[in-house]
Amino acid sequence: MPRKITLSKNYLNSTRGKNSTRLYSPEHREKLRESWRCAPSERRATWNDIVAEQNTKKREEISLRTHKICGACKLLKAFYLFPKNRTSADAHGTMCLECRKEYDRKRYENKGASIRERVKRYRKANLPKVNAADAAKIKKRKRATPKWISWFHLAQIEEFYEIAAAATMQTGVEHHVDHIVPIKGKTVSGLNVPWNLQVLTAQANMRKHASFIQE
């Protein structure tokens, strides 16, 4: 006969018990106690029902929120002031955009050299994968270049890359050619045309990523 296990009062008051049941209401705790007296299949079904109910309740609570507290400055701010993060429960990051920008700046100042060295080692050790990714970028850029643009437009596009290279040499800060409207954005996609290009610092370009910022 299998041994019956119950969630005792001592267990619930212990550190392990609090961590494992801290999200459950008293009604759910009672269901958990009763589930240990059932067959394993019924026990799993009970736990799944409780988890589904908790997740539904949590999603409903989060959907009603419009603000959250920044983990860095501890200020209550609106959701649109936080970066998107699909892995988070509320689909937003823990730090606001200003704090995240300051965090990335300090991190780049402290660890920029080591990060660049690590990237170089990775590219050297994974050359086939890097070449495939670079080829995909070139193919994507060619696909975004319309066939109706003239040779003059193509020369203007090349000029942007020459300006970025010259700015890198003159300032010592790496510059990139950025698409104002990204050619593969989440909500909108632009074209590889001269009037959709701009020269940005590498840090600003990587921070912008594939987002479209309307002024």
N, C-alpha and C. Protein backbone atom coordinates (compact mmCIF):
# COMPACT_ATOMS: atom_id res chain seq x y z
N MET A 1 0.85 -1.20 0.00
CA MET A 1 0.00 0.00 0.00
C MET A 1 0.89 1.25 0.00
N PRO A 2 0.67 2.16 -0.96
CA PRO A 2 1.53 3.35 -1.03
C PRO A 2 1.37 4.24 0.18
N ARG A 3 2.46 4.87 0.56
CA ARG A 3 2.45 5.75 1.72
C ARG A 3 1.73 7.05 1.37
N LYS A 4 0.84 7.47 2.22
CA LYS A 4 0.10 8.71 2.02
C LYS A 4 0.93 9.89 2.49
N ILE A 5 1.06 10.89 1.64
CA ILE A 5 1.83 12.08 1.96
C ILE A 5 0.88 13.26 2.05
N THR A 6 0.96 14.01 3.10
CA THR A 6 0.11 15.19 3.26
C THR A 6 0.97 16.41 3.44
N LEU A 7 0.47 17.54 2.96
CA LEU A 7 1.16 18.80 3.17
C LEU A 7 0.83 19.29 4.57
N SER A 8 1.65 18.95 5.52
CA SER A 8 1.37 19.28 6.91
C SER A 8 1.58 20.76 7.18
N LYS A 9 1.13 21.18 8.35
CA LYS A 9 1.30 22.58 8.75
C LYS A 9 2.77 22.92 8.89
N ASN A 10 3.55 21.97 9.42
CA ASN A 10 4.98 22.22 9.56
C ASN A 10 5.66 22.40 8.21
N TYR A 11 5.23 21.59 7.22
CA TYR A 11 5.81 21.70 5.88
C TYR A 11 5.47 23.04 5.25
N LEU A 12 4.20 23.44 5.39
CA LEU A 12 3.78 24.71 4.78
C LEU A 12 4.47 25.90 5.42
N ASN A 13 4.83 25.78 6.70
CA ASN A 13 5.51 26.87 7.38
C ASN A 13 7.02 26.84 7.18
N SER A 14 7.55 25.77 6.60
CA SER A 14 8.98 25.68 6.38
C SER A 14 9.37 26.51 5.15
N THR A 15 10.68 26.74 4.98
CA THR A 15 11.17 27.52 3.84
C THR A 15 10.84 26.83 2.53
N ARG A 16 11.03 25.53 2.47
CA ARG A 16 10.73 24.78 1.24
C ARG A 16 9.25 24.81 0.94
N GLY A 17 8.43 24.67 1.97
CA GLY A 17 7.00 24.68 1.75
C GLY A 17 6.49 26.04 1.29
N LYS A 18 7.04 27.11 1.88
CA LYS A 18 6.63 28.45 1.48
C LYS A 18 7.02 28.74 0.04
N ASN A 19 8.22 28.28 -0.36
CA ASN A 19 8.66 28.52 -1.72
C ASN A 19 7.84 27.74 -2.73
N SER A 20 7.40 26.54 -2.36
CA SER A 20 6.66 25.71 -3.31
C SER A 20 5.18 26.03 -3.35
N THR A 21 4.65 26.66 -2.31
CA THR A 21 3.20 26.92 -2.27
C THR A 21 2.88 28.39 -2.06
N ARG A 22 3.87 29.27 -2.21
CA ARG A 22 3.63 30.68 -1.90
C ARG A 22 2.67 31.33 -2.86
N LEU A 23 2.50 30.77 -4.07
CA LEU A 23 1.59 31.37 -5.05
C LEU A 23 0.18 30.82 -4.95
N TYR A 24 -0.03 29.85 -4.06
CA TYR A 24 -1.33 29.19 -3.98
C TYR A 24 -2.20 29.81 -2.89
N SER A 25 -3.50 29.89 -3.18
CA SER A 25 -4.46 30.39 -2.21
C SER A 25 -4.77 29.30 -1.20
N PRO A 26 -5.43 29.63 -0.08
CA PRO A 26 -5.81 28.59 0.90
C PRO A 26 -6.67 27.49 0.29
N GLU A 27 -7.56 27.85 -0.65
CA GLU A 27 -8.39 26.83 -1.30
C GLU A 27 -7.54 25.87 -2.11
N HIS A 28 -6.54 26.43 -2.80
CA HIS A 28 -5.66 25.57 -3.58
C HIS A 28 -4.79 24.69 -2.69
N ARG A 29 -4.39 25.21 -1.55
CA ARG A 29 -3.59 24.40 -0.63
C ARG A 29 -4.39 23.22 -0.12
N GLU A 30 -5.66 23.46 0.12
CA GLU A 30 -6.51 22.36 0.58
C GLU A 30 -6.67 21.31 -0.52
N LYS A 31 -6.78 21.77 -1.76
CA LYS A 31 -6.85 20.82 -2.88
C LYS A 31 -5.57 20.01 -3.00
N LEU A 32 -4.42 20.68 -2.74
CA LEU A 32 -3.16 19.97 -2.80
C LEU A 32 -3.07 18.90 -1.72
N ARG A 33 -3.57 19.21 -0.53
CA ARG A 33 -3.57 18.21 0.54
C ARG A 33 -4.42 17.01 0.15
N GLU A 34 -5.58 17.29 -0.42
CA GLU A 34 -6.48 16.20 -0.81
C GLU A 34 -5.93 15.40 -1.98
N SER A 35 -5.15 16.05 -2.85
CA SER A 35 -4.67 15.35 -4.04
C SER A 35 -3.69 14.24 -3.70
N TRP A 36 -2.97 14.38 -2.57
CA TRP A 36 -2.01 13.34 -2.21
C TRP A 36 -2.69 12.05 -1.78
N ARG A 37 -4.00 12.10 -1.51
CA ARG A 37 -4.73 10.89 -1.14
C ARG A 37 -5.33 10.20 -2.36
N CYS A 38 -5.15 10.80 -3.54
CA CYS A 38 -5.73 10.25 -4.77
C CYS A 38 -4.68 9.48 -5.56
N ALA A 39 -5.14 8.88 -6.66
CA ALA A 39 -4.22 8.17 -7.55
C ALA A 39 -3.31 9.18 -8.25
N PRO A 40 -2.14 8.73 -8.70
CA PRO A 40 -1.21 9.67 -9.35
C PRO A 40 -1.82 10.42 -10.53
N SER A 41 -2.64 9.75 -11.35
CA SER A 41 -3.23 10.43 -12.50
C SER A 41 -4.18 11.56 -12.05
N GLU A 42 -4.99 11.28 -11.02
CA GLU A 42 -5.89 12.31 -10.49
C GLU A 42 -5.10 13.44 -9.83
N ARG A 43 -3.98 13.07 -9.19
CA ARG A 43 -3.15 14.07 -8.55
C ARG A 43 -2.57 15.03 -9.58
N ARG A 44 -2.06 14.47 -10.70
CA ARG A 44 -1.51 15.32 -11.75
C ARG A 44 -2.58 16.22 -12.35
N ALA A 45 -3.79 15.67 -12.54
CA ALA A 45 -4.88 16.48 -13.09
C ALA A 45 -5.23 17.64 -12.16
N THR A 46 -5.22 17.38 -10.85
CA THR A 46 -5.50 18.44 -9.89
C THR A 46 -4.45 19.54 -9.95
N TRP A 47 -3.20 19.13 -9.99
CA TRP A 47 -2.12 20.12 -10.06
C TRP A 47 -2.20 20.92 -11.35
N ASN A 48 -2.49 20.25 -12.48
CA ASN A 48 -2.60 20.96 -13.75
C ASN A 48 -3.74 21.96 -13.74
N ASP A 49 -4.87 21.58 -13.11
CA ASP A 49 -6.00 22.50 -13.03
C ASP A 49 -5.65 23.73 -12.19
N ILE A 50 -4.93 23.50 -11.08
CA ILE A 50 -4.54 24.61 -10.22
C ILE A 50 -3.58 25.55 -10.95
N VAL A 51 -2.60 24.99 -11.64
CA VAL A 51 -1.64 25.80 -12.38
C VAL A 51 -2.33 26.60 -13.48
N ALA A 52 -3.27 25.94 -14.21
CA ALA A 52 -3.99 26.64 -15.27
C ALA A 52 -4.84 27.79 -14.71
N GLU A 53 -5.47 27.53 -13.56
CA GLU A 53 -6.28 28.57 -12.93
C GLU A 53 -5.42 29.73 -12.45
N GLN A 54 -4.25 29.41 -11.88
CA GLN A 54 -3.35 30.45 -11.42
C GLN A 54 -2.81 31.29 -12.59
N ASN A 55 -2.46 30.61 -13.69
CA ASN A 55 -1.95 31.33 -14.85
C ASN A 55 -3.01 32.24 -15.46
N THR A 56 -4.25 31.76 -15.52
CA THR A 56 -5.34 32.58 -16.05
C THR A 56 -5.56 33.81 -15.19
N LYS A 57 -5.55 33.60 -13.87
CA LYS A 57 -5.73 34.72 -12.95
C LYS A 57 -4.60 35.72 -13.07
N LYS A 58 -3.37 35.21 -13.22
CA LYS A 58 -2.21 36.10 -13.33
C LYS A 58 -2.26 36.89 -14.62
N ARG A 59 -2.66 36.25 -15.74
CA ARG A 59 -2.75 36.97 -17.01
C ARG A 59 -3.82 38.05 -16.96
N GLU A 60 -4.95 37.75 -16.28
CA GLU A 60 -6.00 38.75 -16.16
C GLU A 60 -5.53 39.95 -15.34
N GLU A 61 -4.79 39.68 -14.26
CA GLU A 61 -4.27 40.78 -13.44
C GLU A 61 -3.26 41.62 -14.21
N ILE A 62 -2.38 40.95 -14.97
CA ILE A 62 -1.36 41.67 -15.73
C ILE A 62 -1.98 42.49 -16.84
N SER A 63 -3.03 41.96 -17.48
CA SER A 63 -3.66 42.69 -18.58
C SER A 63 -4.29 44.00 -18.12
N LEU A 64 -4.61 44.11 -16.83
CA LEU A 64 -5.21 45.33 -16.31
C LEU A 64 -4.16 46.36 -15.87
N ARG A 65 -2.92 45.95 -15.82
CA ARG A 65 -1.87 46.87 -15.39
C ARG A 65 -1.46 47.80 -16.52
N THR A 66 -1.09 49.01 -16.16
CA THR A 66 -0.58 49.98 -17.12
C THR A 66 0.77 50.52 -16.69
N HIS A 67 1.20 50.22 -15.45
CA HIS A 67 2.46 50.72 -14.93
C HIS A 67 3.18 49.59 -14.19
N LYS A 68 4.48 49.75 -14.02
CA LYS A 68 5.27 48.83 -13.22
C LYS A 68 6.46 49.58 -12.63
N ILE A 69 7.08 48.99 -11.62
CA ILE A 69 8.20 49.62 -10.93
C ILE A 69 9.49 49.17 -11.60
N CYS A 70 10.33 50.13 -11.92
CA CYS A 70 11.64 49.84 -12.52
C CYS A 70 12.53 49.17 -11.47
N GLY A 71 13.22 48.11 -11.89
CA GLY A 71 14.08 47.39 -10.96
C GLY A 71 15.35 48.13 -10.60
N ALA A 72 15.70 49.18 -11.35
CA ALA A 72 16.93 49.93 -11.08
C ALA A 72 16.66 51.20 -10.29
N CYS A 73 15.81 52.09 -10.84
CA CYS A 73 15.55 53.37 -10.17
C CYS A 73 14.40 53.29 -9.18
N LYS A 74 13.65 52.16 -9.16
CA LYS A 74 12.56 51.93 -8.21
C LYS A 74 11.42 52.94 -8.35
N LEU A 75 11.23 53.49 -9.56
CA LEU A 75 10.15 54.44 -9.81
C LEU A 75 9.03 53.76 -10.57
N LEU A 76 7.80 54.18 -10.30
CA LEU A 76 6.64 53.64 -10.99
C LEU A 76 6.50 54.35 -12.34
N LYS A 77 6.57 53.57 -13.42
CA LYS A 77 6.54 54.14 -14.76
C LYS A 77 5.57 53.36 -15.64
N ALA A 78 5.11 54.02 -16.72
CA ALA A 78 4.19 53.38 -17.65
C ALA A 78 4.90 52.30 -18.45
N PHE A 79 4.12 51.36 -18.97
CA PHE A 79 4.69 50.23 -19.70
C PHE A 79 5.47 50.66 -20.93
N TYR A 80 5.02 51.75 -21.60
CA TYR A 80 5.69 52.14 -22.83
C TYR A 80 7.11 52.68 -22.58
N LEU A 81 7.46 52.91 -21.33
CA LEU A 81 8.81 53.35 -20.99
C LEU A 81 9.74 52.18 -20.70
N PHE A 82 9.27 50.95 -20.91
CA PHE A 82 10.07 49.74 -20.68
C PHE A 82 10.29 49.03 -22.02
N PRO A 83 11.43 48.39 -22.20
CA PRO A 83 11.65 47.61 -23.43
C PRO A 83 10.80 46.36 -23.43
N LYS A 84 10.48 45.88 -24.63
CA LYS A 84 9.67 44.66 -24.76
C LYS A 84 10.52 43.44 -24.41
N ASN A 85 9.89 42.48 -23.76
CA ASN A 85 10.55 41.23 -23.41
C ASN A 85 9.49 40.13 -23.39
N ARG A 86 9.47 39.31 -24.43
CA ARG A 86 8.43 38.30 -24.56
C ARG A 86 8.53 37.19 -23.51
N THR A 87 9.71 37.02 -22.90
CA THR A 87 9.86 35.98 -21.89
C THR A 87 9.32 36.40 -20.54
N SER A 88 9.06 37.69 -20.35
CA SER A 88 8.55 38.18 -19.07
C SER A 88 7.04 37.98 -19.00
N ALA A 89 6.52 37.90 -17.78
CA ALA A 89 5.08 37.67 -17.61
C ALA A 89 4.26 38.82 -18.15
N ASP A 90 4.76 40.05 -18.01
CA ASP A 90 4.02 41.21 -18.51
C ASP A 90 4.53 41.69 -19.87
N ALA A 91 5.42 40.90 -20.49
CA ALA A 91 5.96 41.18 -21.83
C ALA A 91 6.81 42.45 -21.86
N HIS A 92 7.34 42.86 -20.72
CA HIS A 92 8.21 44.04 -20.65
C HIS A 92 9.41 43.73 -19.76
N GLY A 93 10.51 44.44 -20.00
CA GLY A 93 11.72 44.23 -19.22
C GLY A 93 11.60 44.71 -17.80
N THR A 94 12.60 44.38 -16.99
CA THR A 94 12.58 44.76 -15.58
C THR A 94 13.08 46.18 -15.36
N MET A 95 13.92 46.69 -16.28
CA MET A 95 14.45 48.05 -16.17
C MET A 95 13.84 48.94 -17.24
N CYS A 96 13.61 50.20 -16.90
CA CYS A 96 13.07 51.15 -17.87
C CYS A 96 14.13 51.45 -18.94
N LEU A 97 13.72 52.13 -19.99
CA LEU A 97 14.62 52.40 -21.11
C LEU A 97 15.81 53.26 -20.68
N GLU A 98 15.56 54.27 -19.83
CA GLU A 98 16.65 55.13 -19.38
C GLU A 98 17.68 54.36 -18.56
N CYS A 99 17.21 53.56 -17.63
CA CYS A 99 18.12 52.78 -16.79
C CYS A 99 18.84 51.71 -17.62
N ARG A 100 18.12 51.12 -18.57
CA ARG A 100 18.75 50.12 -19.42
C ARG A 100 19.83 50.74 -20.29
N LYS A 101 19.57 51.94 -20.79
CA LYS A 101 20.56 52.65 -21.59
C LYS A 101 21.81 52.94 -20.76
N GLU A 102 21.62 53.41 -19.53
CA GLU A 102 22.75 53.70 -18.65
C GLU A 102 23.50 52.43 -18.29
N TYR A 103 22.76 51.33 -18.06
CA TYR A 103 23.38 50.04 -17.73
C TYR A 103 24.23 49.54 -18.90
N ASP A 104 23.70 49.63 -20.13
CA ASP A 104 24.45 49.17 -21.31
C ASP A 104 25.69 50.04 -21.53
N ARG A 105 25.56 51.36 -21.28
CA ARG A 105 26.71 52.25 -21.46
C ARG A 105 27.84 51.89 -20.50
N LYS A 106 27.50 51.69 -19.22
CA LYS A 106 28.52 51.34 -18.23
C LYS A 106 29.12 49.97 -18.52
N ARG A 107 28.27 49.05 -18.94
CA ARG A 107 28.77 47.70 -19.26
C ARG A 107 29.72 47.74 -20.45
N TYR A 108 29.39 48.56 -21.46
CA TYR A 108 30.25 48.67 -22.63
C TYR A 108 31.58 49.33 -22.26
N GLU A 109 31.54 50.32 -21.36
CA GLU A 109 32.78 50.97 -20.93
C GLU A 109 33.66 50.01 -20.13
N ASN A 110 33.05 49.19 -19.30
CA ASN A 110 33.83 48.30 -18.44
C ASN A 110 34.29 47.03 -19.15
N LYS A 111 33.41 46.50 -20.03
CA LYS A 111 33.69 45.20 -20.64
C LYS A 111 33.71 45.25 -22.15
N GLY A 112 33.79 46.45 -22.74
CA GLY A 112 33.74 46.55 -24.19
C GLY A 112 34.87 45.80 -24.88
N ALA A 113 36.09 45.94 -24.35
CA ALA A 113 37.24 45.28 -24.98
C ALA A 113 37.12 43.77 -24.89
N SER A 114 36.72 43.26 -23.74
CA SER A 114 36.59 41.80 -23.58
C SER A 114 35.46 41.25 -24.45
N ILE A 115 34.38 42.03 -24.60
CA ILE A 115 33.27 41.59 -25.43
C ILE A 115 33.69 41.51 -26.89
N ARG A 116 34.42 42.54 -27.37
CA ARG A 116 34.89 42.52 -28.76
C ARG A 116 35.85 41.36 -29.00
N GLU A 117 36.72 41.09 -28.01
CA GLU A 117 37.65 39.97 -28.15
C GLU A 117 36.90 38.64 -28.19
N ARG A 118 35.86 38.52 -27.37
CA ARG A 118 35.07 37.28 -27.35
C ARG A 118 34.33 37.09 -28.67
N VAL A 119 33.83 38.20 -29.24
CA VAL A 119 33.14 38.11 -30.53
C VAL A 119 34.11 37.67 -31.63
N LYS A 120 35.34 38.21 -31.60
CA LYS A 120 36.33 37.81 -32.60
C LYS A 120 36.67 36.33 -32.49
N ARG A 121 36.82 35.84 -31.25
CA ARG A 121 37.12 34.41 -31.07
C ARG A 121 35.96 33.55 -31.56
N TYR A 122 34.73 33.99 -31.28
CA TYR A 122 33.57 33.22 -31.73
C TYR A 122 33.49 33.17 -33.25
N ARG A 123 33.71 34.31 -33.91
CA ARG A 123 33.65 34.34 -35.37
C ARG A 123 34.74 33.47 -35.99
N LYS A 124 35.90 33.43 -35.35
CA LYS A 124 36.99 32.61 -35.87
C LYS A 124 36.71 31.13 -35.66
N ALA A 125 36.11 30.78 -34.52
CA ALA A 125 35.84 29.37 -34.22
C ALA A 125 34.60 28.84 -34.94
N ASN A 126 33.68 29.74 -35.33
CA ASN A 126 32.44 29.32 -35.98
C ASN A 126 32.31 30.00 -37.35
N LEU A 127 33.38 29.87 -38.14
CA LEU A 127 33.42 30.57 -39.42
C LEU A 127 32.30 30.14 -40.37
N PRO A 128 31.98 28.84 -40.52
CA PRO A 128 30.87 28.47 -41.43
C PRO A 128 29.53 29.08 -41.01
N LYS A 129 29.26 29.06 -39.71
CA LYS A 129 27.99 29.62 -39.24
C LYS A 129 27.96 31.14 -39.46
N VAL A 130 29.08 31.81 -39.22
CA VAL A 130 29.15 33.25 -39.42
C VAL A 130 28.99 33.60 -40.89
N ASN A 131 29.64 32.84 -41.77
CA ASN A 131 29.52 33.09 -43.20
C ASN A 131 28.09 32.89 -43.68
N ALA A 132 27.43 31.87 -43.14
CA ALA A 132 26.03 31.64 -43.52
C ALA A 132 25.14 32.80 -43.07
N ALA A 133 25.39 33.31 -41.86
CA ALA A 133 24.60 34.44 -41.37
C ALA A 133 24.86 35.70 -42.20
N ASP A 134 26.14 35.93 -42.57
CA ASP A 134 26.46 37.09 -43.40
C ASP A 134 25.83 36.97 -44.78
N ALA A 135 25.84 35.76 -45.34
CA ALA A 135 25.21 35.55 -46.65
C ALA A 135 23.71 35.79 -46.58
N ALA A 136 23.08 35.39 -45.46
CA ALA A 136 21.65 35.62 -45.29
C ALA A 136 21.35 37.12 -45.22
N LYS A 137 22.23 37.88 -44.55
CA LYS A 137 22.04 39.33 -44.48
C LYS A 137 22.14 39.97 -45.86
N ILE A 138 23.15 39.53 -46.65
CA ILE A 138 23.32 40.08 -48.00
C ILE A 138 22.13 39.74 -48.87
N LYS A 139 21.64 38.51 -48.74
CA LYS A 139 20.47 38.09 -49.52
C LYS A 139 19.24 38.90 -49.13
N LYS A 140 19.09 39.14 -47.83
CA LYS A 140 17.94 39.92 -47.35
C LYS A 140 18.03 41.36 -47.85
N ARG A 141 19.26 41.92 -47.87
CA ARG A 141 19.44 43.29 -48.35
C ARG A 141 19.16 43.37 -49.85
N LYS A 142 19.59 42.36 -50.60
CA LYS A 142 19.32 42.34 -52.04
C LYS A 142 17.83 42.22 -52.31
N ARG A 143 17.15 41.41 -51.50
CA ARG A 143 15.71 41.23 -51.69
C ARG A 143 14.95 42.53 -51.39
N ALA A 144 15.51 43.33 -50.47
CA ALA A 144 14.86 44.60 -50.12
C ALA A 144 15.23 45.72 -51.07
N THR A 145 16.14 45.45 -52.01
CA THR A 145 16.52 46.47 -52.99
C THR A 145 15.62 46.35 -54.21
N PRO A 146 14.79 47.33 -54.48
CA PRO A 146 13.86 47.22 -55.62
C PRO A 146 14.61 47.24 -56.95
N LYS A 147 14.01 46.62 -57.96
CA LYS A 147 14.64 46.55 -59.27
C LYS A 147 14.52 47.85 -60.05
N TRP A 148 13.63 48.74 -59.62
CA TRP A 148 13.41 49.95 -60.39
C TRP A 148 14.36 51.09 -60.04
N ILE A 149 15.24 50.90 -59.01
CA ILE A 149 16.16 51.99 -58.68
C ILE A 149 17.26 52.07 -59.75
N SER A 150 17.78 53.25 -59.96
CA SER A 150 18.77 53.50 -61.02
C SER A 150 20.18 53.30 -60.49
N TRP A 151 21.16 53.41 -61.42
CA TRP A 151 22.56 53.30 -61.04
C TRP A 151 22.95 54.45 -60.11
N PHE A 152 22.29 55.60 -60.26
CA PHE A 152 22.58 56.74 -59.40
C PHE A 152 22.20 56.44 -57.95
N HIS A 153 21.06 55.77 -57.77
CA HIS A 153 20.63 55.37 -56.42
C HIS A 153 21.61 54.37 -55.82
N LEU A 154 22.08 53.42 -56.62
CA LEU A 154 23.05 52.44 -56.13
C LEU A 154 24.35 53.12 -55.71
N ALA A 155 24.75 54.14 -56.47
CA ALA A 155 25.96 54.88 -56.10
C ALA A 155 25.76 55.63 -54.79
N GLN A 156 24.56 56.16 -54.57
CA GLN A 156 24.28 56.84 -53.30
C GLN A 156 24.33 55.86 -52.13
N ILE A 157 23.84 54.63 -52.35
CA ILE A 157 23.89 53.62 -51.29
C ILE A 157 25.34 53.30 -50.94
N GLU A 158 26.20 53.12 -51.96
CA GLU A 158 27.61 52.87 -51.71
C GLU A 158 28.27 54.03 -50.98
N GLU A 159 27.81 55.25 -51.27
CA GLU A 159 28.38 56.43 -50.63
C GLU A 159 28.10 56.43 -49.13
N PHE A 160 26.94 55.94 -48.72
CA PHE A 160 26.62 55.86 -47.30
C PHE A 160 27.63 54.96 -46.58
N TYR A 161 27.97 53.83 -47.18
CA TYR A 161 28.93 52.92 -46.56
C TYR A 161 30.33 53.54 -46.54
N GLU A 162 30.68 54.32 -47.55
CA GLU A 162 31.96 55.03 -47.54
C GLU A 162 31.99 56.08 -46.44
N ILE A 163 30.88 56.78 -46.24
CA ILE A 163 30.81 57.78 -45.16
C ILE A 163 30.96 57.11 -43.79
N ALA A 164 30.32 55.95 -43.62
CA ALA A 164 30.42 55.23 -42.34
C ALA A 164 31.86 54.78 -42.09
N ALA A 165 32.53 54.29 -43.14
CA ALA A 165 33.93 53.86 -42.98
C ALA A 165 34.83 55.05 -42.67
N ALA A 166 34.58 56.19 -43.33
CA ALA A 166 35.39 57.38 -43.06
C ALA A 166 35.17 57.89 -41.64
N ALA A 167 33.92 57.88 -41.18
CA ALA A 167 33.63 58.33 -39.82
C ALA A 167 34.30 57.43 -38.79
N THR A 168 34.36 56.14 -39.07
CA THR A 168 35.03 55.21 -38.16
C THR A 168 36.52 55.52 -38.07
N MET A 169 37.13 55.80 -39.21
CA MET A 169 38.57 56.10 -39.23
C MET A 169 38.88 57.44 -38.56
N GLN A 170 38.03 58.44 -38.76
CA GLN A 170 38.30 59.78 -38.24
C GLN A 170 38.06 59.87 -36.74
N THR A 171 37.01 59.24 -36.25
CA THR A 171 36.64 59.37 -34.84
C THR A 171 37.18 58.24 -33.98
N GLY A 172 37.51 57.09 -34.59
CA GLY A 172 37.92 55.94 -33.79
C GLY A 172 36.76 55.19 -33.20
N VAL A 173 35.54 55.63 -33.48
CA VAL A 173 34.31 54.97 -33.01
C VAL A 173 33.66 54.29 -34.20
N GLU A 174 33.32 53.03 -34.05
CA GLU A 174 32.75 52.27 -35.17
C GLU A 174 31.38 52.84 -35.55
N HIS A 175 31.16 53.03 -36.84
CA HIS A 175 29.89 53.52 -37.38
C HIS A 175 29.28 52.49 -38.31
N HIS A 176 27.97 52.43 -38.33
CA HIS A 176 27.23 51.52 -39.19
C HIS A 176 26.26 52.31 -40.07
N VAL A 177 25.86 51.67 -41.16
CA VAL A 177 24.78 52.20 -42.00
C VAL A 177 23.49 51.53 -41.56
N ASP A 178 22.54 52.33 -41.14
CA ASP A 178 21.29 51.83 -40.57
C ASP A 178 20.12 52.13 -41.51
N HIS A 179 19.16 51.20 -41.55
CA HIS A 179 17.92 51.44 -42.28
C HIS A 179 16.93 52.11 -41.33
N ILE A 180 16.47 53.29 -41.68
CA ILE A 180 15.54 54.04 -40.82
C ILE A 180 14.29 53.21 -40.56
N VAL A 181 13.68 52.73 -41.63
CA VAL A 181 12.61 51.73 -41.50
C VAL A 181 13.26 50.37 -41.75
N PRO A 182 13.37 49.50 -40.75
CA PRO A 182 14.11 48.24 -40.91
C PRO A 182 13.57 47.40 -42.06
N ILE A 183 14.48 46.74 -42.77
CA ILE A 183 14.06 45.95 -43.92
C ILE A 183 13.37 44.65 -43.49
N LYS A 184 13.46 44.32 -42.21
CA LYS A 184 12.74 43.16 -41.70
C LYS A 184 12.26 43.47 -40.29
N GLY A 185 11.35 44.43 -40.17
CA GLY A 185 10.83 44.80 -38.87
C GLY A 185 9.67 43.93 -38.45
N LYS A 186 9.25 44.10 -37.20
CA LYS A 186 8.14 43.30 -36.67
C LYS A 186 6.80 43.80 -37.17
N THR A 187 6.65 45.11 -37.32
CA THR A 187 5.37 45.68 -37.73
C THR A 187 5.41 46.30 -39.12
N VAL A 188 6.60 46.72 -39.56
CA VAL A 188 6.73 47.36 -40.87
C VAL A 188 8.11 47.04 -41.43
N SER A 189 8.20 46.95 -42.75
CA SER A 189 9.46 46.65 -43.42
C SER A 189 9.73 47.70 -44.49
N GLY A 190 10.96 48.21 -44.51
CA GLY A 190 11.34 49.22 -45.48
C GLY A 190 12.14 48.63 -46.63
N LEU A 191 12.68 49.51 -47.45
CA LEU A 191 13.45 49.11 -48.63
C LEU A 191 14.90 49.55 -48.46
N ASN A 192 15.75 48.91 -49.22
CA ASN A 192 17.18 49.27 -49.25
C ASN A 192 17.38 50.34 -50.32
N VAL A 193 16.99 51.56 -49.98
CA VAL A 193 17.06 52.71 -50.89
C VAL A 193 17.77 53.85 -50.17
N PRO A 194 18.34 54.80 -50.90
CA PRO A 194 19.14 55.86 -50.25
C PRO A 194 18.36 56.68 -49.23
N TRP A 195 17.09 56.98 -49.51
CA TRP A 195 16.32 57.81 -48.58
C TRP A 195 15.86 57.06 -47.33
N ASN A 196 16.24 55.78 -47.23
CA ASN A 196 15.92 54.99 -46.04
C ASN A 196 17.18 54.63 -45.26
N LEU A 197 18.29 55.31 -45.56
CA LEU A 197 19.57 55.02 -44.91
C LEU A 197 20.03 56.19 -44.06
N GLN A 198 20.79 55.86 -43.04
CA GLN A 198 21.42 56.87 -42.18
C GLN A 198 22.67 56.25 -41.55
N VAL A 199 23.61 57.10 -41.16
CA VAL A 199 24.84 56.64 -40.54
C VAL A 199 24.72 56.86 -39.04
N LEU A 200 24.90 55.78 -38.28
CA LEU A 200 24.83 55.82 -36.82
C LEU A 200 26.07 55.16 -36.24
N THR A 201 26.34 55.47 -34.99
CA THR A 201 27.38 54.73 -34.29
C THR A 201 26.93 53.29 -34.10
N ALA A 202 27.90 52.40 -33.98
CA ALA A 202 27.57 50.98 -33.83
C ALA A 202 26.70 50.75 -32.60
N GLN A 203 27.00 51.46 -31.51
CA GLN A 203 26.23 51.28 -30.27
C GLN A 203 24.79 51.73 -30.47
N ALA A 204 24.60 52.89 -31.14
CA ALA A 204 23.24 53.37 -31.38
C ALA A 204 22.49 52.45 -32.33
N ASN A 205 23.18 51.91 -33.32
CA ASN A 205 22.54 51.02 -34.28
C ASN A 205 22.11 49.72 -33.62
N MET A 206 22.95 49.15 -32.76
CA MET A 206 22.59 47.90 -32.09
C MET A 206 21.48 48.13 -31.07
N ARG A 207 21.45 49.33 -30.47
CA ARG A 207 20.36 49.63 -29.53
C ARG A 207 19.03 49.77 -30.28
N LYS A 208 19.08 50.38 -31.45
CA LYS A 208 17.86 50.54 -32.26
C LYS A 208 17.38 49.19 -32.78
N HIS A 209 18.32 48.32 -33.18
CA HIS A 209 18.05 46.99 -33.69
C HIS A 209 17.07 47.06 -34.86
N ALA A 210 15.98 46.29 -34.81
CA ALA A 210 15.03 46.24 -35.92
C ALA A 210 13.75 47.01 -35.58
N SER A 211 13.88 48.07 -34.80
CA SER A 211 12.71 48.84 -34.40
C SER A 211 12.59 50.08 -35.28
N PHE A 212 11.36 50.56 -35.41
CA PHE A 212 11.09 51.76 -36.20
C PHE A 212 10.63 52.84 -35.25
N ILE A 213 11.44 53.88 -35.08
CA ILE A 213 11.13 54.96 -34.14
C ILE A 213 10.59 56.13 -34.93
N GLN A 214 9.30 56.44 -34.72
CA GLN A 214 8.69 57.57 -35.40
C GLN A 214 8.92 58.84 -34.61
N GLU A 215 9.32 59.89 -35.30
CA GLU A 215 9.58 61.18 -34.62
C GLU A 215 8.29 61.99 -34.54
